[in-house]
């Protein structure tokens, strides 16, 4: 199921969903950027983890 969802997201959004560059301003929204282990809810880290989730779940 996850593979199908990740593949569908890729089909709809293309490489932007898995390999797109995260805007630098996202690291400064709310508070200064810190690594995922220290600030997991920082906008940049949330976007990065979502990209990782899609990449790791793709079937092809």
Protein backbone atom coordinates (compact mmCIF):
# COMPACT_ATOMS: atom_id res chain seq x y z
CA UNK A 1 0.00 0.00 0.00
CA UNK A 2 2.76 2.47 0.93
CA UNK A 3 4.65 1.73 -2.29
CA UNK A 4 1.56 2.43 -4.34
CA UNK A 5 0.97 5.74 -2.51
CA UNK A 6 4.59 6.83 -2.96
CA UNK A 7 4.53 5.86 -6.64
CA UNK A 8 1.29 7.80 -7.15
CA UNK A 9 2.73 10.88 -5.45
CA UNK A 10 5.74 10.63 -7.75
CA UNK A 11 3.50 10.26 -10.81
CA UNK A 12 1.53 13.37 -9.85
CA UNK A 13 4.35 15.64 -8.66
CA UNK A 14 7.40 14.22 -10.45
CA UNK A 15 10.86 14.62 -8.98
CA UNK A 16 9.76 17.66 -6.96
CA UNK A 17 8.17 15.32 -4.40
CA UNK A 18 11.25 13.21 -3.75
CA UNK A 19 14.27 15.13 -4.99
CA UNK A 20 13.11 18.73 -5.04
CA UNK A 21 15.22 21.29 -3.28
CA UNK A 22 13.72 22.40 0.01
CA UNK A 23 13.70 26.21 0.16
CA UNK A 24 16.28 27.69 2.53
CA UNK A 25 13.67 29.90 4.19
CA UNK A 26 11.96 26.77 5.52
CA UNK A 27 14.89 26.25 7.90
CA UNK A 28 14.17 29.56 9.62
CA UNK A 29 10.40 29.34 10.04
CA UNK A 30 9.49 29.41 13.73
CA UNK A 31 12.97 28.95 15.15
CA UNK A 32 16.58 28.42 14.00
CA UNK A 33 17.36 25.23 12.13
CA UNK A 34 18.66 22.31 14.17
CA UNK A 35 19.21 18.66 13.21
CA UNK A 36 16.21 16.32 13.03
CA UNK A 37 17.11 14.75 16.39
CA UNK A 38 16.99 18.13 18.14
CA UNK A 39 14.11 19.86 16.34
CA UNK A 40 11.97 17.27 14.53
CA UNK A 41 9.04 19.65 14.00
CA UNK A 42 11.07 22.37 12.29
CA UNK A 43 9.43 22.96 8.88
CA UNK A 44 12.62 22.11 6.97
CA UNK A 45 13.03 18.84 8.88
CA UNK A 46 9.39 17.89 8.32
CA UNK A 47 9.75 18.46 4.57
CA UNK A 48 13.04 16.54 4.49
CA UNK A 49 11.53 13.57 6.33
CA UNK A 50 8.54 13.56 3.95
CA UNK A 51 10.92 13.42 0.97
CA UNK A 52 12.83 10.57 2.61
CA UNK A 53 9.58 8.72 3.27
CA UNK A 54 8.51 8.98 -0.38
CA UNK A 55 11.97 8.00 -1.68
CA UNK A 56 12.24 4.97 0.56
CA UNK A 57 8.71 3.79 -0.26
CA UNK A 58 8.89 3.92 -4.05
CA UNK A 59 8.82 0.53 -5.75
CA UNK A 60 10.89 1.31 -8.77
